[in-house]
Amino acid sequence: MGHRKMVKFLRKLGRDTRGATAVEYGLILALVFLSMVGAVQSFGTEAITMWSKIEASVIAASGV
């Protein structure tokens, strides 16, 4: 590649924002994923607690 073509290519590359947009979308996706993981963990803990209480109540009511 000639010197002028290389400079033109580098200038064009510097103005290209498509890569930056892809990185931004990737970061947003990562934040959404982490939020979902946190919500599922919280829900799972609450569900386990609820079913444990139900189990204890059934055992107490059945006299086992």
PDB file of N, CA and C in Angstrom:
ATOM      1  N   MET A   1       0.836  -1.171   0.000  1.00  0.00           N
ATOM      2  CA  MET A   1       0.000   0.000   0.000  1.00  0.00           C
ATOM      3  C   MET A   1       0.884   1.237   0.000  1.00  0.00           C
ATOM      4  N   GLY A   2       0.478   2.219  -0.790  1.00  0.00           N
ATOM      5  CA  GLY A   2       1.230   3.457  -0.819  1.00  0.00           C
ATOM      6  C   GLY A   2       0.992   4.267   0.441  1.00  0.00           C
ATOM      7  N   HIS A   3       1.858   5.233   0.647  1.00  0.00           N
ATOM      8  CA  HIS A   3       1.777   6.066   1.848  1.00  0.00           C
ATOM      9  C   HIS A   3       0.435   6.802   1.921  1.00  0.00           C
ATOM     10  N   ARG A   4      -0.002   7.378   0.811  1.00  0.00           N
ATOM     11  CA  ARG A   4      -1.263   8.124   0.804  1.00  0.00           C
ATOM     12  C   ARG A   4      -2.459   7.205   1.056  1.00  0.00           C
ATOM     13  N   LYS A   5      -2.423   6.025   0.467  1.00  0.00           N
ATOM     14  CA  LYS A   5      -3.518   5.070   0.687  1.00  0.00           C
ATOM     15  C   LYS A   5      -3.583   4.643   2.153  1.00  0.00           C
ATOM     16  N   MET A   6      -2.418   4.449   2.767  1.00  0.00           N
ATOM     17  CA  MET A   6      -2.369   4.043   4.170  1.00  0.00           C
ATOM     18  C   MET A   6      -2.930   5.154   5.062  1.00  0.00           C
ATOM     19  N   VAL A   7      -2.547   6.388   4.805  1.00  0.00           N
ATOM     20  CA  VAL A   7      -3.049   7.522   5.596  1.00  0.00           C
ATOM     21  C   VAL A   7      -4.554   7.646   5.416  1.00  0.00           C
ATOM     22  N   LYS A   8      -5.033   7.507   4.173  1.00  0.00           N
ATOM     23  CA  LYS A   8      -6.478   7.575   3.902  1.00  0.00           C
ATOM     24  C   LYS A   8      -7.216   6.458   4.647  1.00  0.00           C
ATOM     25  N   PHE A   9      -6.658   5.263   4.622  1.00  0.00           N
ATOM     26  CA  PHE A   9      -7.257   4.125   5.315  1.00  0.00           C
ATOM     27  C   PHE A   9      -7.323   4.371   6.827  1.00  0.00           C
ATOM     28  N   LEU A  10      -6.236   4.882   7.405  1.00  0.00           N
ATOM     29  CA  LEU A  10      -6.205   5.123   8.849  1.00  0.00           C
ATOM     30  C   LEU A  10      -7.185   6.222   9.257  1.00  0.00           C
ATOM     31  N   ARG A  11      -7.317   7.257   8.438  1.00  0.00           N
ATOM     32  CA  ARG A  11      -8.299   8.314   8.731  1.00  0.00           C
ATOM     33  C   ARG A  11      -9.719   7.757   8.683  1.00  0.00           C
ATOM     34  N   LYS A  12      -9.987   6.952   7.657  1.00  0.00           N
ATOM     35  CA  LYS A  12     -11.315   6.337   7.531  1.00  0.00           C
ATOM     36  C   LYS A  12     -11.585   5.426   8.728  1.00  0.00           C
ATOM     37  N   LEU A  13     -10.585   4.682   9.146  1.00  0.00           N
ATOM     38  CA  LEU A  13     -10.724   3.783  10.291  1.00  0.00           C
ATOM     39  C   LEU A  13     -10.988   4.571  11.575  1.00  0.00           C
ATOM     40  N   GLY A  14     -10.346   5.726  11.709  1.00  0.00           N
ATOM     41  CA  GLY A  14     -10.533   6.567  12.886  1.00  0.00           C
ATOM     42  C   GLY A  14     -11.926   7.157  12.977  1.00  0.00           C
ATOM     43  N   ARG A  15     -12.573   7.389  11.834  1.00  0.00           N
ATOM     44  CA  ARG A  15     -13.932   7.946  11.823  1.00  0.00           C
ATOM     45  C   ARG A  15     -15.005   6.871  11.961  1.00  0.00           C
ATOM     46  N   ASP A  16     -14.655   5.631  11.798  1.00  0.00           N
ATOM     47  CA  ASP A  16     -15.618   4.529  11.864  1.00  0.00           C
ATOM     48  C   ASP A  16     -16.060   4.314  13.301  1.00  0.00           C
ATOM     49  N   THR A  17     -17.363   4.398  13.552  1.00  0.00           N
ATOM     50  CA  THR A  17     -17.889   4.243  14.914  1.00  0.00           C
ATOM     51  C   THR A  17     -18.649   2.931  15.099  1.00  0.00           C
ATOM     52  N   ARG A  18     -18.682   2.082  14.090  1.00  0.00           N
ATOM     53  CA  ARG A  18     -19.434   0.834  14.212  1.00  0.00           C
ATOM     54  C   ARG A  18     -18.884  -0.066  15.308  1.00  0.00           C
ATOM     55  N   GLY A  19     -17.579  -0.111  15.451  1.00  0.00           N
ATOM     56  CA  GLY A  19     -16.975  -0.939  16.493  1.00  0.00           C
ATOM     57  C   GLY A  19     -17.320  -0.444  17.883  1.00  0.00           C
ATOM     58  N   ALA A  20     -17.331   0.891  18.059  1.00  0.00           N
ATOM     59  CA  ALA A  20     -17.678   1.471  19.352  1.00  0.00           C
ATOM     60  C   ALA A  20     -19.122   1.141  19.710  1.00  0.00           C
ATOM     61  N   THR A  21     -20.004   1.190  18.734  1.00  0.00           N
ATOM     62  CA  THR A  21     -21.403   0.863  18.980  1.00  0.00           C
ATOM     63  C   THR A  21     -21.548  -0.592  19.401  1.00  0.00           C
ATOM     64  N   ALA A  22     -20.814  -1.474  18.768  1.00  0.00           N
ATOM     65  CA  ALA A  22     -20.874  -2.888  19.128  1.00  0.00           C
ATOM     66  C   ALA A  22     -20.383  -3.096  20.559  1.00  0.00           C
ATOM     67  N   VAL A  23     -19.349  -2.384  20.950  1.00  0.00           N
ATOM     68  CA  VAL A  23     -18.843  -2.493  22.328  1.00  0.00           C
ATOM     69  C   VAL A  23     -19.886  -1.987  23.315  1.00  0.00           C
ATOM     70  N   GLU A  24     -20.547  -0.877  22.993  1.00  0.00           N
ATOM     71  CA  GLU A  24     -21.589  -0.339  23.873  1.00  0.00           C
ATOM     72  C   GLU A  24     -22.730  -1.337  24.036  1.00  0.00           C
ATOM     73  N   TYR A  25     -23.162  -1.925  22.945  1.00  0.00           N
ATOM     74  CA  TYR A  25     -24.229  -2.928  23.029  1.00  0.00           C
ATOM     75  C   TYR A  25     -23.774  -4.136  23.846  1.00  0.00           C
ATOM     76  N   GLY A  26     -22.538  -4.513  23.708  1.00  0.00           N
ATOM     77  CA  GLY A  26     -22.005  -5.627  24.493  1.00  0.00           C
ATOM     78  C   GLY A  26     -22.022  -5.319  25.979  1.00  0.00           C
ATOM     79  N   LEU A  27     -21.659  -4.093  26.351  1.00  0.00           N
ATOM     80  CA  LEU A  27     -21.687  -3.709  27.763  1.00  0.00           C
ATOM     81  C   LEU A  27     -23.110  -3.681  28.305  1.00  0.00           C
ATOM     82  N   ILE A  28     -24.047  -3.173  27.514  1.00  0.00           N
ATOM     83  CA  ILE A  28     -25.451  -3.163  27.940  1.00  0.00           C
ATOM     84  C   ILE A  28     -25.947  -4.590  28.126  1.00  0.00           C
ATOM     85  N   LEU A  29     -25.611  -5.466  27.199  1.00  0.00           N
ATOM     86  CA  LEU A  29     -26.021  -6.867  27.298  1.00  0.00           C
ATOM     87  C   LEU A  29     -25.439  -7.513  28.547  1.00  0.00           C
ATOM     88  N   ALA A  30     -24.186  -7.213  28.863  1.00  0.00           N
ATOM     89  CA  ALA A  30     -23.554  -7.777  30.061  1.00  0.00           C
ATOM     90  C   ALA A  30     -24.260  -7.286  31.323  1.00  0.00           C
ATOM     91  N   LEU A  31     -24.644  -6.015  31.374  1.00  0.00           N
ATOM     92  CA  LEU A  31     -25.357  -5.485  32.544  1.00  0.00           C
ATOM     93  C   LEU A  31     -26.733  -6.128  32.693  1.00  0.00           C
ATOM     94  N   VAL A  32     -27.427  -6.301  31.583  1.00  0.00           N
ATOM     95  CA  VAL A  32     -28.743  -6.953  31.633  1.00  0.00           C
ATOM     96  C   VAL A  32     -28.594  -8.389  32.128  1.00  0.00           C
ATOM     97  N   PHE A  33     -27.591  -9.093  31.629  1.00  0.00           N
ATOM     98  CA  PHE A  33     -27.351 -10.473  32.042  1.00  0.00           C
ATOM     99  C   PHE A  33     -27.059 -10.556  33.539  1.00  0.00           C
ATOM    100  N   LEU A  34     -26.189  -9.661  34.038  1.00  0.00           N
ATOM    101  CA  LEU A  34     -25.859  -9.684  35.465  1.00  0.00           C
ATOM    102  C   LEU A  34     -27.080  -9.359  36.316  1.00  0.00           C
ATOM    103  N   SER A  35     -27.922  -8.456  35.856  1.00  0.00           N
ATOM    104  CA  SER A  35     -29.159  -8.138  36.579  1.00  0.00           C
ATOM    105  C   SER A  35     -30.080  -9.352  36.637  1.00  0.00           C
ATOM    106  N   MET A  36     -30.170 -10.060  35.515  1.00  0.00           N
ATOM    107  CA  MET A  36     -31.021 -11.252  35.476  1.00  0.00           C
ATOM    108  C   MET A  36     -30.491 -12.330  36.416  1.00  0.00           C
ATOM    109  N   VAL A  37     -29.187 -12.528  36.442  1.00  0.00           N
ATOM    110  CA  VAL A  37     -28.597 -13.527  37.334  1.00  0.00           C
ATOM    111  C   VAL A  37     -28.904 -13.178  38.786  1.00  0.00           C
ATOM    112  N   GLY A  38     -28.763 -11.899  39.143  1.00  0.00           N
ATOM    113  CA  GLY A  38     -29.061 -11.477  40.507  1.00  0.00           C
ATOM    114  C   GLY A  38     -30.524 -11.688  40.861  1.00  0.00           C
ATOM    115  N   ALA A  39     -31.422 -11.386  39.927  1.00  0.00           N
ATOM    116  CA  ALA A  39     -32.855 -11.565  40.181  1.00  0.00           C
ATOM    117  C   ALA A  39     -33.200 -13.041  40.350  1.00  0.00           C
ATOM    118  N   VAL A  40     -32.636 -13.894  39.507  1.00  0.00           N
ATOM    119  CA  VAL A  40     -32.916 -15.331  39.600  1.00  0.00           C
ATOM    120  C   VAL A  40     -32.383 -15.898  40.909  1.00  0.00           C
ATOM    121  N   GLN A  41     -31.207 -15.461  41.334  1.00  0.00           N
ATOM    122  CA  GLN A  41     -30.658 -15.944  42.604  1.00  0.00           C
ATOM    123  C   GLN A  41     -31.549 -15.522  43.766  1.00  0.00           C
ATOM    124  N   SER A  42     -31.999 -14.280  43.739  1.00  0.00           N
ATOM    125  CA  SER A  42     -32.867 -13.785  44.809  1.00  0.00           C
ATOM    126  C   SER A  42     -34.185 -14.555  44.827  1.00  0.00           C
ATOM    127  N   PHE A  43     -34.775 -14.759  43.661  1.00  0.00           N
ATOM    128  CA  PHE A  43     -36.024 -15.497  43.569  1.00  0.00           C
ATOM    129  C   PHE A  43     -35.834 -16.936  44.040  1.00  0.00           C
ATOM    130  N   GLY A  44     -34.731 -17.552  43.662  1.00  0.00           N
ATOM    131  CA  GLY A  44     -34.467 -18.937  44.059  1.00  0.00           C
ATOM    132  C   GLY A  44     -34.349 -19.074  45.565  1.00  0.00           C
ATOM    133  N   THR A  45     -33.665 -18.142  46.195  1.00  0.00           N
ATOM    134  CA  THR A  45     -33.524 -18.180  47.654  1.00  0.00           C
ATOM    135  C   THR A  45     -34.883 -18.036  48.335  1.00  0.00           C
ATOM    136  N   GLU A  46     -35.695 -17.096  47.846  1.00  0.00           N
ATOM    137  CA  GLU A  46     -37.026 -16.901  48.428  1.00  0.00           C
ATOM    138  C   GLU A  46     -37.910 -18.124  48.202  1.00  0.00           C
ATOM    139  N   ALA A  47     -37.829 -18.742  47.046  1.00  0.00           N
ATOM    140  CA  ALA A  47     -38.637 -19.920  46.747  1.00  0.00           C
ATOM    141  C   ALA A  47     -38.243 -21.095  47.643  1.00  0.00           C
ATOM    142  N   ILE A  48     -36.958 -21.285  47.850  1.00  0.00           N
ATOM    143  CA  ILE A  48     -36.489 -22.368  48.725  1.00  0.00           C
ATOM    144  C   ILE A  48     -36.984 -22.144  50.151  1.00  0.00           C
ATOM    145  N   THR A  49     -36.900 -20.908  50.622  1.00  0.00           N
ATOM    146  CA  THR A  49     -37.385 -20.586  51.970  1.00  0.00           C
ATOM    147  C   THR A  49     -38.877 -20.872  52.087  1.00  0.00           C
ATOM    148  N   MET A  50     -39.653 -20.458  51.080  1.00  0.00           N
ATOM    149  CA  MET A  50     -41.106 -20.677  51.110  1.00  0.00           C
ATOM    150  C   MET A  50     -41.425 -22.175  51.153  1.00  0.00           C
ATOM    151  N   TRP A  51     -40.789 -22.973  50.297  1.00  0.00           N
ATOM    152  CA  TRP A  51     -41.081 -24.401  50.263  1.00  0.00           C
ATOM    153  C   TRP A  51     -40.603 -25.110  51.535  1.00  0.00           C
ATOM    154  N   SER A  52     -39.555 -24.613  52.143  1.00  0.00           N
ATOM    155  CA  SER A  52     -39.095 -25.194  53.408  1.00  0.00           C
ATOM    156  C   SER A  52     -40.113 -24.952  54.513  1.00  0.00           C
ATOM    157  N   LYS A  53     -40.710 -23.763  54.529  1.00  0.00           N
ATOM    158  CA  LYS A  53     -41.757 -23.459  55.522  1.00  0.00           C
ATOM    159  C   LYS A  53     -42.983 -24.334  55.284  1.00  0.00           C
ATOM    160  N   ILE A  54     -43.355 -24.514  54.023  1.00  0.00           N
ATOM    161  CA  ILE A  54     -44.493 -25.371  53.696  1.00  0.00           C
ATOM    162  C   ILE A  54     -44.210 -26.805  54.129  1.00  0.00           C
ATOM    163  N   GLU A  55     -43.009 -27.275  53.877  1.00  0.00           N
ATOM    164  CA  GLU A  55     -42.635 -28.628  54.287  1.00  0.00           C
ATOM    165  C   GLU A  55     -42.739 -28.789  55.795  1.00  0.00           C
ATOM    166  N   ALA A  56     -42.235 -27.811  56.532  1.00  0.00           N
ATOM    167  CA  ALA A  56     -42.297 -27.873  58.001  1.00  0.00           C
ATOM    168  C   ALA A  56     -43.734 -27.870  58.478  1.00  0.00           C
ATOM    169  N   SER A  57     -44.581 -27.074  57.838  1.00  0.00           N
ATOM    170  CA  SER A  57     -45.994 -27.027  58.240  1.00  0.00           C
ATOM    171  C   SER A  57     -46.709 -28.348  57.958  1.00  0.00           C
ATOM    172  N   VAL A  58     -46.416 -28.959  56.821  1.00  0.00           N
ATOM    173  CA  VAL A  58     -47.037 -30.235  56.472  1.00  0.00           C
ATOM    174  C   VAL A  58     -46.571 -31.321  57.442  1.00  0.00           C
ATOM    175  N   ILE A  59     -45.291 -31.344  57.759  1.00  0.00           N
ATOM    176  CA  ILE A  59     -44.769 -32.338  58.690  1.00  0.00           C
ATOM    177  C   ILE A  59     -45.398 -32.152  60.071  1.00  0.00           C
ATOM    178  N   ALA A  60     -45.522 -30.902  60.496  1.00  0.00           N
ATOM    179  CA  ALA A  60     -46.118 -30.639  61.817  1.00  0.00           C
ATOM    180  C   ALA A  60     -47.583 -31.027  61.831  1.00  0.00           C
ATOM    181  N   ALA A  61     -48.297 -30.771  60.747  1.00  0.00           N
ATOM    182  CA  ALA A  61     -49.716 -31.086  60.696  1.00  0.00           C
ATOM    183  C   ALA A  61     -49.962 -32.593  60.596  1.00  0.00           C
ATOM    184  N   SER A  62     -49.047 -33.336  59.969  1.00  0.00           N
ATOM    185  CA  SER A  62     -49.247 -34.762  59.814  1.00  0.00           C
ATOM    186  C   SER A  62     -48.761 -35.546  61.023  1.00  0.00           C
ATOM    187  N   GLY A  63     -47.997 -34.902  61.892  1.00  0.00           N
ATOM    188  CA  GLY A  63     -47.528 -35.562  63.107  1.00  0.00           C
ATOM    189  C   GLY A  63     -46.427 -36.573  62.863  1.00  0.00           C
ATOM    190  N   VAL A  64     -45.732 -36.461  61.774  1.00  0.00           N
ATOM    191  CA  VAL A  64     -44.644 -37.411  61.456  1.00  0.00           C
ATOM    192  C   VAL A  64     -43.385 -37.054  62.172  1.00  0.00           C
TER     193      VAL A  64
END
